[in-house]
PDB file of all heavy atoms in Angstrom:
ATOM      1  N   THR A   1       9.874  21.590  -2.992  1.00  0.00           N
ATOM      2  CA  THR A   1       8.860  21.813  -4.028  1.00  0.00           C
ATOM      3  C   THR A   1       8.417  20.538  -4.729  1.00  0.00           C
ATOM      4  O   THR A   1       7.383  20.515  -5.371  1.00  0.00           O
ATOM      5  CB  THR A   1       9.366  22.820  -5.075  1.00  0.00           C
ATOM      6  OG1 THR A   1      10.531  22.295  -5.723  1.00  0.00           O
ATOM      7  CG2 THR A   1       9.698  24.158  -4.428  1.00  0.00           C
ATOM      8  N   GLY A   2       9.188  19.494  -4.621  1.00  0.00           N
ATOM      9  CA  GLY A   2       8.774  18.217  -5.196  1.00  0.00           C
ATOM     10  C   GLY A   2       9.520  17.075  -4.549  1.00  0.00           C
ATOM     11  O   GLY A   2       9.698  16.016  -5.144  1.00  0.00           O
ATOM     12  N   MET A   3       9.966  17.308  -3.309  1.00  0.00           N
ATOM     13  CA  MET A   3      10.817  16.340  -2.618  1.00  0.00           C
ATOM     14  C   MET A   3      10.503  16.348  -1.131  1.00  0.00           C
ATOM     15  O   MET A   3      10.071  17.354  -0.583  1.00  0.00           O
ATOM     16  CB  MET A   3      12.296  16.697  -2.820  1.00  0.00           C
ATOM     17  CG  MET A   3      12.773  16.587  -4.259  1.00  0.00           C
ATOM     18  SD  MET A   3      14.064  17.796  -4.628  1.00  0.00           S
ATOM     19  CE  MET A   3      13.078  19.273  -4.903  1.00  0.00           C
ATOM     20  N   ASN A   4      10.770  15.229  -0.486  1.00  0.00           N
ATOM     21  CA  ASN A   4      10.707  15.168   0.968  1.00  0.00           C
ATOM     22  C   ASN A   4      12.045  15.645   1.545  1.00  0.00           C
ATOM     23  O   ASN A   4      13.051  15.729   0.836  1.00  0.00           O
ATOM     24  CB  ASN A   4      10.412  13.747   1.434  1.00  0.00           C
ATOM     25  CG  ASN A   4       9.023  13.282   1.025  1.00  0.00           C
ATOM     26  OD1 ASN A   4       8.874  12.417   0.157  1.00  0.00           O
ATOM     27  ND2 ASN A   4       7.993  13.831   1.644  1.00  0.00           N
ATOM     28  N   ILE A   5      12.041  15.942   2.840  1.00  0.00           N
ATOM     29  CA  ILE A   5      13.241  16.470   3.489  1.00  0.00           C
ATOM     30  C   ILE A   5      13.607  15.624   4.699  1.00  0.00           C
ATOM     31  O   ILE A   5      12.733  15.117   5.413  1.00  0.00           O
ATOM     32  CB  ILE A   5      13.037  17.959   3.885  1.00  0.00           C
ATOM     33  CG1 ILE A   5      14.347  18.559   4.418  1.00  0.00           C
ATOM     34  CG2 ILE A   5      11.895  18.116   4.895  1.00  0.00           C
ATOM     35  CD1 ILE A   5      14.297  20.073   4.549  1.00  0.00           C
ATOM     36  N   PHE A   6      14.912  15.447   4.903  1.00  0.00           N
ATOM     37  CA  PHE A   6      15.457  14.743   6.060  1.00  0.00           C
ATOM     38  C   PHE A   6      16.538  15.608   6.700  1.00  0.00           C
ATOM     39  O   PHE A   6      17.253  16.337   5.993  1.00  0.00           O
ATOM     40  CB  PHE A   6      16.116  13.419   5.639  1.00  0.00           C
ATOM     41  CG  PHE A   6      15.157  12.317   5.296  1.00  0.00           C
ATOM     42  CD1 PHE A   6      14.598  12.234   4.029  1.00  0.00           C
ATOM     43  CD2 PHE A   6      14.845  11.333   6.225  1.00  0.00           C
ATOM     44  CE1 PHE A   6      13.730  11.196   3.692  1.00  0.00           C
ATOM     45  CE2 PHE A   6      13.980  10.293   5.904  1.00  0.00           C
ATOM     46  CZ  PHE A   6      13.423  10.224   4.637  1.00  0.00           C
ATOM     47  N   ILE A   7      16.658  15.504   8.011  1.00  0.00           N
ATOM     48  CA  ILE A   7      17.792  16.090   8.695  1.00  0.00           C
ATOM     49  C   ILE A   7      18.459  15.006   9.530  1.00  0.00           C
ATOM     50  O   ILE A   7      17.828  13.994   9.878  1.00  0.00           O
ATOM     51  CB  ILE A   7      17.401  17.288   9.592  1.00  0.00           C
ATOM     52  CG1 ILE A   7      16.569  16.841  10.797  1.00  0.00           C
ATOM     53  CG2 ILE A   7      16.645  18.345   8.784  1.00  0.00           C
ATOM     54  CD1 ILE A   7      16.323  17.955  11.815  1.00  0.00           C
ATOM     55  N   ILE A   8      19.736  15.199   9.830  1.00  0.00           N
ATOM     56  CA  ILE A   8      20.460  14.300  10.718  1.00  0.00           C
ATOM     57  C   ILE A   8      20.937  15.127  11.904  1.00  0.00           C
ATOM     58  O   ILE A   8      21.575  16.178  11.723  1.00  0.00           O
ATOM     59  CB  ILE A   8      21.669  13.627  10.028  1.00  0.00           C
ATOM     60  CG1 ILE A   8      21.182  12.637   8.948  1.00  0.00           C
ATOM     61  CG2 ILE A   8      22.525  12.881  11.046  1.00  0.00           C
ATOM     62  CD1 ILE A   8      21.126  13.177   7.565  1.00  0.00           C
ATOM     63  N   ARG A   9      20.597  14.650  13.101  1.00  0.00           N
ATOM     64  CA  ARG A   9      21.073  15.279  14.336  1.00  0.00           C
ATOM     65  C   ARG A   9      21.524  14.197  15.298  1.00  0.00           C
ATOM     66  O   ARG A   9      20.780  13.252  15.572  1.00  0.00           O
ATOM     67  CB  ARG A   9      19.981  16.127  14.991  1.00  0.00           C
ATOM     68  CG  ARG A   9      19.542  17.340  14.161  1.00  0.00           C
ATOM     69  CD  ARG A   9      18.700  18.297  14.995  1.00  0.00           C
ATOM     70  NE  ARG A   9      19.503  18.924  16.052  1.00  0.00           N
ATOM     71  CZ  ARG A   9      18.981  19.607  17.074  1.00  0.00           C
ATOM     72  NH1 ARG A   9      17.662  19.728  17.186  1.00  0.00           N
ATOM     73  NH2 ARG A   9      19.779  20.149  17.983  1.00  0.00           N
ATOM     74  N   ASN A  10      22.764  14.321  15.744  1.00  0.00           N
ATOM     75  CA  ASN A  10      23.317  13.386  16.730  1.00  0.00           C
ATOM     76  C   ASN A  10      23.163  11.924  16.306  1.00  0.00           C
ATOM     77  O   ASN A  10      22.833  11.054  17.107  1.00  0.00           O
ATOM     78  CB  ASN A  10      22.642  13.604  18.094  1.00  0.00           C
ATOM     79  CG  ASN A  10      22.811  15.029  18.596  1.00  0.00           C
ATOM     80  OD1 ASN A  10      23.894  15.599  18.483  1.00  0.00           O
ATOM     81  ND2 ASN A  10      21.745  15.603  19.135  1.00  0.00           N
ATOM     82  N   GLY A  11      23.386  11.688  15.017  1.00  0.00           N
ATOM     83  CA  GLY A  11      23.377  10.324  14.502  1.00  0.00           C
ATOM     84  C   GLY A  11      22.023   9.761  14.143  1.00  0.00           C
ATOM     85  O   GLY A  11      21.935   8.642  13.651  1.00  0.00           O
ATOM     86  N   SER A  12      20.943  10.516  14.388  1.00  0.00           N
ATOM     87  CA  SER A  12      19.593  10.045  14.062  1.00  0.00           C
ATOM     88  C   SER A  12      19.081  10.713  12.793  1.00  0.00           C
ATOM     89  O   SER A  12      19.325  11.912  12.556  1.00  0.00           O
ATOM     90  CB  SER A  12      18.635  10.345  15.213  1.00  0.00           C
ATOM     91  OG  SER A  12      18.957   9.574  16.357  1.00  0.00           O
ATOM     92  N   LEU A  13      18.360   9.942  12.004  1.00  0.00           N
ATOM     93  CA  LEU A  13      17.740  10.436  10.781  1.00  0.00           C
ATOM     94  C   LEU A  13      16.307  10.857  11.117  1.00  0.00           C
ATOM     95  O   LEU A  13      15.519  10.054  11.614  1.00  0.00           O
ATOM     96  CB  LEU A  13      17.740   9.338   9.721  1.00  0.00           C
ATOM     97  CG  LEU A  13      17.210   9.684   8.337  1.00  0.00           C
ATOM     98  CD1 LEU A  13      18.133  10.670   7.639  1.00  0.00           C
ATOM     99  CD2 LEU A  13      17.051   8.424   7.501  1.00  0.00           C
ATOM    100  N   ILE A  14      15.980  12.121  10.845  1.00  0.00           N
ATOM    101  CA  ILE A  14      14.693  12.683  11.261  1.00  0.00           C
ATOM    102  C   ILE A  14      13.982  13.254  10.044  1.00  0.00           C
ATOM    103  O   ILE A  14      14.585  13.914   9.200  1.00  0.00           O
ATOM    104  CB  ILE A  14      14.906  13.806  12.308  1.00  0.00           C
ATOM    105  CG1 ILE A  14      15.765  13.291  13.468  1.00  0.00           C
ATOM    106  CG2 ILE A  14      13.574  14.333  12.814  1.00  0.00           C
ATOM    107  CD1 ILE A  14      16.294  14.391  14.379  1.00  0.00           C
ATOM    108  N   THR A  15      12.678  12.997   9.960  1.00  0.00           N
ATOM    109  CA  THR A  15      11.882  13.514   8.846  1.00  0.00           C
ATOM    110  C   THR A  15      10.459  13.768   9.323  1.00  0.00           C
ATOM    111  O   THR A  15       9.977  13.096  10.237  1.00  0.00           O
ATOM    112  CB  THR A  15      11.893  12.513   7.661  1.00  0.00           C
ATOM    113  OG1 THR A  15      11.360  13.137   6.487  1.00  0.00           O
ATOM    114  CG2 THR A  15      11.085  11.265   7.966  1.00  0.00           C
ATOM    115  N   PRO A  16       9.763  14.762   8.742  1.00  0.00           N
ATOM    116  CA  PRO A  16       8.360  14.983   9.129  1.00  0.00           C
ATOM    117  C   PRO A  16       7.504  13.761   8.843  1.00  0.00           C
ATOM    118  O   PRO A  16       7.705  13.057   7.845  1.00  0.00           O
ATOM    119  CB  PRO A  16       7.939  16.169   8.248  1.00  0.00           C
ATOM    120  CG  PRO A  16       9.212  16.847   7.864  1.00  0.00           C
ATOM    121  CD  PRO A  16      10.234  15.752   7.756  1.00  0.00           C
ATOM    122  N   GLY A  17       6.535  13.509   9.720  1.00  0.00           N
ATOM    123  CA  GLY A  17       5.610  12.402   9.525  1.00  0.00           C
ATOM    124  C   GLY A  17       4.464  12.787   8.610  1.00  0.00           C
ATOM    125  O   GLY A  17       4.317  13.951   8.210  1.00  0.00           O
ATOM    126  N   PHE A  18       3.625  11.817   8.282  1.00  0.00           N
ATOM    127  CA  PHE A  18       2.511  12.069   7.366  1.00  0.00           C
ATOM    128  C   PHE A  18       1.532  13.103   7.910  1.00  0.00           C
ATOM    129  O   PHE A  18       0.848  13.780   7.144  1.00  0.00           O
ATOM    130  CB  PHE A  18       1.767  10.765   7.061  1.00  0.00           C
ATOM    131  CG  PHE A  18       2.577   9.776   6.271  1.00  0.00           C
ATOM    132  CD1 PHE A  18       2.462   8.415   6.521  1.00  0.00           C
ATOM    133  CD2 PHE A  18       3.440  10.198   5.275  1.00  0.00           C
ATOM    134  CE1 PHE A  18       3.205   7.489   5.791  1.00  0.00           C
ATOM    135  CE2 PHE A  18       4.183   9.284   4.542  1.00  0.00           C
ATOM    136  CZ  PHE A  18       4.066   7.928   4.801  1.00  0.00           C
ATOM    137  N   GLU A  19       1.447  13.225   9.222  1.00  0.00           N
ATOM    138  CA  GLU A  19       0.510  14.190   9.809  1.00  0.00           C
ATOM    139  C   GLU A  19       0.951  15.636   9.575  1.00  0.00           C
ATOM    140  O   GLU A  19       0.208  16.576   9.878  1.00  0.00           O
ATOM    141  CB  GLU A  19       0.363  13.912  11.310  1.00  0.00           C
ATOM    142  CG  GLU A  19       1.483  14.438  12.188  1.00  0.00           C
ATOM    143  CD  GLU A  19       2.761  13.617  12.112  1.00  0.00           C
ATOM    144  OE1 GLU A  19       2.736  12.536  11.485  1.00  0.00           O
ATOM    145  OE2 GLU A  19       3.781  14.052  12.683  1.00  0.00           O
ATOM    146  N   GLN A  20       2.133  15.822   9.000  1.00  0.00           N
ATOM    147  CA  GLN A  20       2.638  17.174   8.721  1.00  0.00           C
ATOM    148  C   GLN A  20       2.292  17.638   7.303  1.00  0.00           C
ATOM    149  O   GLN A  20       2.882  18.572   6.782  1.00  0.00           O
ATOM    150  CB  GLN A  20       4.153  17.217   8.941  1.00  0.00           C
ATOM    151  CG  GLN A  20       4.568  16.917  10.375  1.00  0.00           C
ATOM    152  CD  GLN A  20       3.984  17.900  11.364  1.00  0.00           C
ATOM    153  OE1 GLN A  20       4.126  19.113  11.222  1.00  0.00           O
ATOM    154  NE2 GLN A  20       3.295  17.378  12.368  1.00  0.00           N
ATOM    155  N   ASP A  21       1.333  16.988   6.673  1.00  0.00           N
ATOM    156  CA  ASP A  21       0.839  17.372   5.338  1.00  0.00           C
ATOM    157  C   ASP A  21       1.886  17.185   4.239  1.00  0.00           C
ATOM    158  O   ASP A  21       1.919  17.939   3.259  1.00  0.00           O
ATOM    159  CB  ASP A  21       0.318  18.814   5.339  1.00  0.00           C
ATOM    160  CG  ASP A  21      -0.978  18.961   6.112  1.00  0.00           C
ATOM    161  OD1 ASP A  21      -1.741  17.975   6.172  1.00  0.00           O
ATOM    162  OD2 ASP A  21      -1.236  20.044   6.667  1.00  0.00           O
ATOM    163  N   ILE A  22       2.712  16.163   4.388  1.00  0.00           N
ATOM    164  CA  ILE A  22       3.708  15.868   3.369  1.00  0.00           C
ATOM    165  C   ILE A  22       3.127  14.907   2.330  1.00  0.00           C
ATOM    166  O   ILE A  22       2.114  14.248   2.566  1.00  0.00           O
ATOM    167  CB  ILE A  22       4.974  15.232   3.983  1.00  0.00           C
ATOM    168  CG1 ILE A  22       4.647  13.848   4.570  1.00  0.00           C
ATOM    169  CG2 ILE A  22       5.579  16.147   5.040  1.00  0.00           C
ATOM    170  CD1 ILE A  22       5.864  13.036   4.951  1.00  0.00           C
ATOM    171  N   LEU A  23       3.792  14.827   1.190  1.00  0.00           N
ATOM    172  CA  LEU A  23       3.467  13.792   0.214  1.00  0.00           C
ATOM    173  C   LEU A  23       4.025  12.459   0.707  1.00  0.00           C
ATOM    174  O   LEU A  23       5.125  12.404   1.277  1.00  0.00           O
ATOM    175  CB  LEU A  23       4.068  14.127  -1.152  1.00  0.00           C
ATOM    176  CG  LEU A  23       3.855  13.066  -2.236  1.00  0.00           C
ATOM    177  CD1 LEU A  23       2.387  13.040  -2.672  1.00  0.00           C
ATOM    178  CD2 LEU A  23       4.753  13.312  -3.434  1.00  0.00           C
ATOM    179  N   GLU A  24       3.295  11.391   0.483  1.00  0.00           N
ATOM    180  CA  GLU A  24       3.769  10.056   0.838  1.00  0.00           C
ATOM    181  C   GLU A  24       4.796   9.606  -0.206  1.00  0.00           C
ATOM    182  O   GLU A  24       4.495   8.862  -1.132  1.00  0.00           O
ATOM    183  CB  GLU A  24       2.599   9.081   0.927  1.00  0.00           C
ATOM    184  CG  GLU A  24       1.626   9.405   2.051  1.00  0.00           C
ATOM    185  CD  GLU A  24       0.532   8.366   2.196  1.00  0.00           C
ATOM    186  OE1 GLU A  24       0.391   7.509   1.298  1.00  0.00           O
ATOM    187  OE2 GLU A  24      -0.196   8.414   3.198  1.00  0.00           O
ATOM    188  N   GLY A  25       6.018  10.077  -0.044  1.00  0.00           N
ATOM    189  CA  GLY A  25       7.056   9.845  -1.030  1.00  0.00           C
ATOM    190  C   GLY A  25       7.559   8.411  -1.045  1.00  0.00           C
ATOM    191  O   GLY A  25       7.796   7.806   0.008  1.00  0.00           O
ATOM    192  N   ILE A  26       7.751   7.877  -2.231  1.00  0.00           N
ATOM    193  CA  ILE A  26       8.252   6.510  -2.367  1.00  0.00           C
ATOM    194  C   ILE A  26       9.758   6.471  -2.097  1.00  0.00           C
ATOM    195  O   ILE A  26      10.261   5.540  -1.461  1.00  0.00           O
ATOM    196  CB  ILE A  26       7.905   5.955  -3.755  1.00  0.00           C
ATOM    197  CG1 ILE A  26       6.381   5.789  -3.859  1.00  0.00           C
ATOM    198  CG2 ILE A  26       8.610   4.612  -4.023  1.00  0.00           C
ATOM    199  CD1 ILE A  26       5.871   5.461  -5.244  1.00  0.00           C
ATOM    200  N   THR A  27      10.481   7.486  -2.546  1.00  0.00           N
ATOM    201  CA  THR A  27      11.906   7.551  -2.215  1.00  0.00           C
ATOM    202  C   THR A  27      12.081   7.766  -0.720  1.00  0.00           C
ATOM    203  O   THR A  27      12.988   7.200  -0.100  1.00  0.00           O
ATOM    204  CB  THR A  27      12.595   8.672  -3.011  1.00  0.00           C
ATOM    205  OG1 THR A  27      12.324   8.508  -4.405  1.00  0.00           O
ATOM    206  CG2 THR A  27      14.101   8.646  -2.794  1.00  0.00           C
ATOM    207  N   ARG A  28      11.218   8.577  -0.110  1.00  0.00           N
ATOM    208  CA  ARG A  28      11.247   8.762   1.342  1.00  0.00           C
ATOM    209  C   ARG A  28      11.112   7.420   2.058  1.00  0.00           C
ATOM    210  O   ARG A  28      11.875   7.114   2.977  1.00  0.00           O
ATOM    211  CB  ARG A  28      10.109   9.704   1.755  1.00  0.00           C
ATOM    212  CG  ARG A  28       9.917   9.866   3.266  1.00  0.00           C
ATOM    213  CD  ARG A  28       8.628  10.650   3.545  1.00  0.00           C
ATOM    214  NE  ARG A  28       8.401  10.844   4.980  1.00  0.00           N
ATOM    215  CZ  ARG A  28       7.814   9.958   5.778  1.00  0.00           C
ATOM    216  NH1 ARG A  28       7.407   8.788   5.262  1.00  0.00           N
ATOM    217  NH2 ARG A  28       7.642  10.216   7.056  1.00  0.00           N
ATOM    218  N   ASP A  29      10.130   6.629   1.636  1.00  0.00           N
ATOM    219  CA  ASP A  29       9.924   5.318   2.229  1.00  0.00           C
ATOM    220  C   ASP A  29      11.155   4.436   2.036  1.00  0.00           C
ATOM    221  O   ASP A  29      11.565   3.703   2.950  1.00  0.00           O
ATOM    222  CB  ASP A  29       8.699   4.661   1.595  1.00  0.00           C
ATOM    223  CG  ASP A  29       8.489   3.228   2.053  1.00  0.00           C
ATOM    224  OD1 ASP A  29       8.029   3.033   3.185  1.00  0.00           O
ATOM    225  OD2 ASP A  29       8.818   2.306   1.274  1.00  0.00           O
ATOM    226  N   SER A  30      11.763   4.527   0.860  1.00  0.00           N
ATOM    227  CA  SER A  30      12.958   3.729   0.573  1.00  0.00           C
ATOM    228  C   SER A  30      14.105   4.123   1.496  1.00  0.00           C
ATOM    229  O   SER A  30      14.815   3.261   2.035  1.00  0.00           O
ATOM    230  CB  SER A  30      13.373   3.913  -0.893  1.00  0.00           C
ATOM    231  OG  SER A  30      12.322   3.564  -1.771  1.00  0.00           O
ATOM    232  N   VAL A  31      14.302   5.438   1.676  1.00  0.00           N
ATOM    233  CA  VAL A  31      15.385   5.929   2.531  1.00  0.00           C
ATOM    234  C   VAL A  31      15.190   5.458   3.974  1.00  0.00           C
ATOM    235  O   VAL A  31      16.138   5.013   4.634  1.00  0.00           O
ATOM    236  CB  VAL A  31      15.471   7.465   2.458  1.00  0.00           C
ATOM    237  CG1 VAL A  31      16.377   8.022   3.553  1.00  0.00           C
ATOM    238  CG2 VAL A  31      15.991   7.902   1.088  1.00  0.00           C
ATOM    239  N   LEU A  32      13.960   5.546   4.476  1.00  0.00           N
ATOM    240  CA  LEU A  32      13.689   5.109   5.844  1.00  0.00           C
ATOM    241  C   LEU A  32      13.977   3.617   6.017  1.00  0.00           C
ATOM    242  O   LEU A  32      14.560   3.194   7.021  1.00  0.00           O
ATOM    243  CB  LEU A  32      12.245   5.417   6.219  1.00  0.00           C
ATOM    244  CG  LEU A  32      11.918   6.888   6.512  1.00  0.00           C
ATOM    245  CD1 LEU A  32      10.412   7.083   6.641  1.00  0.00           C
ATOM    246  CD2 LEU A  32      12.619   7.359   7.786  1.00  0.00           C
ATOM    247  N   THR A  33      13.574   2.820   5.038  1.00  0.00           N
ATOM    248  CA  THR A  33      13.814   1.377   5.106  1.00  0.00           C
ATOM    249  C   THR A  33      15.300   1.065   5.069  1.00  0.00           C
ATOM    250  O   THR A  33      15.806   0.249   5.860  1.00  0.00           O
ATOM    251  CB  THR A  33      13.098   0.661   3.945  1.00  0.00           C
ATOM    252  OG1 THR A  33      11.695   0.931   4.020  1.00  0.00           O
ATOM    253  CG2 THR A  33      13.327  -0.838   3.992  1.00  0.00           C
ATOM    254  N   ILE A  34      16.018   1.717   4.163  1.00  0.00           N
ATOM    255  CA  ILE A  34      17.468   1.497   4.053  1.00  0.00           C
ATOM    256  C   ILE A  34      18.161   1.887   5.354  1.00  0.00           C
ATOM    257  O   ILE A  34      19.027   1.154   5.867  1.00  0.00           O
ATOM    258  CB  ILE A  34      18.048   2.301   2.874  1.00  0.00           C
ATOM    259  CG1 ILE A  34      17.522   1.744   1.543  1.00  0.00           C
ATOM    260  CG2 ILE A  34      19.570   2.272   2.892  1.00  0.00           C
ATOM    261  CD1 ILE A  34      17.794   2.657   0.355  1.00  0.00           C
ATOM    262  N   ALA A  35      17.785   3.045   5.904  1.00  0.00           N
ATOM    263  CA  ALA A  35      18.417   3.515   7.140  1.00  0.00           C
ATOM    264  C   ALA A  35      18.206   2.524   8.279  1.00  0.00           C
ATOM    265  O   ALA A  35      19.145   2.197   9.019  1.00  0.00           O
ATOM    266  CB  ALA A  35      17.871   4.895   7.507  1.00  0.00           C
ATOM    267  N   LYS A  36      16.981   2.053   8.428  1.00  0.00           N
ATOM    268  CA  LYS A  36      16.701   1.076   9.493  1.00  0.00           C
ATOM    269  C   LYS A  36      17.527  -0.189   9.310  1.00  0.00           C
ATOM    270  O   LYS A  36      18.061  -0.751  10.277  1.00  0.00           O
ATOM    271  CB  LYS A  36      15.208   0.754   9.506  1.00  0.00           C
ATOM    272  CG  LYS A  36      14.335   1.909   9.974  1.00  0.00           C
ATOM    273  CD  LYS A  36      12.855   1.609   9.778  1.00  0.00           C
ATOM    274  CE  LYS A  36      12.002   2.827  10.139  1.00  0.00           C
ATOM    275  NZ  LYS A  36      10.558   2.615   9.852  1.00  0.00           N
ATOM    276  N   ASN A  37      17.656  -0.642   8.065  1.00  0.00           N
ATOM    277  CA  ASN A  37      18.438  -1.851   7.801  1.00  0.00           C
ATOM    278  C   ASN A  37      19.933  -1.638   8.041  1.00  0.00           C
ATOM    279  O   ASN A  37      20.668  -2.591   8.314  1.00  0.00           O
ATOM    280  CB  ASN A  37      18.203  -2.327   6.372  1.00  0.00           C
ATOM    281  CG  ASN A  37      16.799  -2.871   6.155  1.00  0.00           C
ATOM    282  OD1 ASN A  37      16.096  -3.195   7.114  1.00  0.00           O
ATOM    283  ND2 ASN A  37      16.385  -2.967   4.913  1.00  0.00           N
ATOM    284  N   LEU A  38      20.385  -0.391   7.939  1.00  0.00           N
ATOM    285  CA  LEU A  38      21.786  -0.058   8.199  1.00  0.00           C
ATOM    286  C   LEU A  38      22.042   0.223   9.678  1.00  0.00           C
ATOM    287  O   LEU A  38      23.176   0.507  10.075  1.00  0.00           O
ATOM    288  CB  LEU A  38      22.208   1.157   7.368  1.00  0.00           C
ATOM    289  CG  LEU A  38      22.348   0.951   5.856  1.00  0.00           C
ATOM    290  CD1 LEU A  38      22.601   2.284   5.161  1.00  0.00           C
ATOM    291  CD2 LEU A  38      23.481  -0.019   5.544  1.00  0.00           C
ATOM    292  N   GLY A  39      20.987   0.184  10.475  1.00  0.00           N
ATOM    293  CA  GLY A  39      21.143   0.436  11.894  1.00  0.00           C
ATOM    294  C   GLY A  39      21.163   1.906  12.269  1.00  0.00           C
ATOM    295  O   GLY A  39      21.550   2.258  13.392  1.00  0.00           O
ATOM    296  N   ILE A  40      20.728   2.768  11.365  1.00  0.00           N
ATOM    297  CA  ILE A  40      20.663   4.198  11.647  1.00  0.00           C
ATOM    298  C   ILE A  40      19.332   4.489  12.330  1.00  0.00           C
ATOM    299  O   ILE A  40      18.274   4.166  11.768  1.00  0.00           O
ATOM    300  CB  ILE A  40      20.784   5.023  10.351  1.00  0.00           C
ATOM    301  CG1 ILE A  40      22.125   4.736   9.657  1.00  0.00           C
ATOM    302  CG2 ILE A  40      20.629   6.516  10.632  1.00  0.00           C
ATOM    303  CD1 ILE A  40      22.218   5.286   8.244  1.00  0.00           C
ATOM    304  N   PRO A  41      19.318   5.094  13.506  1.00  0.00           N
ATOM    305  CA  PRO A  41      18.044   5.416  14.168  1.00  0.00           C
ATOM    306  C   PRO A  41      17.208   6.366  13.303  1.00  0.00           C
ATOM    307  O   PRO A  41      17.731   7.343  12.761  1.00  0.00           O
ATOM    308  CB  PRO A  41      18.480   6.102  15.472  1.00  0.00           C
ATOM    309  CG  PRO A  41      19.900   5.670  15.686  1.00  0.00           C
ATOM    310  CD  PRO A  41      20.489   5.481  14.327  1.00  0.00           C
ATOM    311  N   THR A  42      15.917   6.076  13.165  1.00  0.00           N
ATOM    312  CA  THR A  42      15.023   6.907  12.361  1.00  0.00           C
ATOM    313  C   THR A  42      13.886   7.427  13.232  1.00  0.00           C
ATOM    314  O   THR A  42      13.353   6.698  14.070  1.00  0.00           O
ATOM    315  CB  THR A  42      14.441   6.128  11.171  1.00  0.00           C
ATOM    316  OG1 THR A  42      13.665   5.031  11.652  1.00  0.00           O
ATOM    317  CG2 THR A  42      15.548   5.597  10.270  1.00  0.00           C
TER     318      THR A  42
END
């Protein structure tokens, strides 16, 4: 209702893309950047 959503499957971090009518979340962007820097597949 006011947040983006992520799931983890088999070690990968998965989230809907912008084409799925989501809000361009700033925390979402932060999480994706942090995950990539930690070596977590996104």
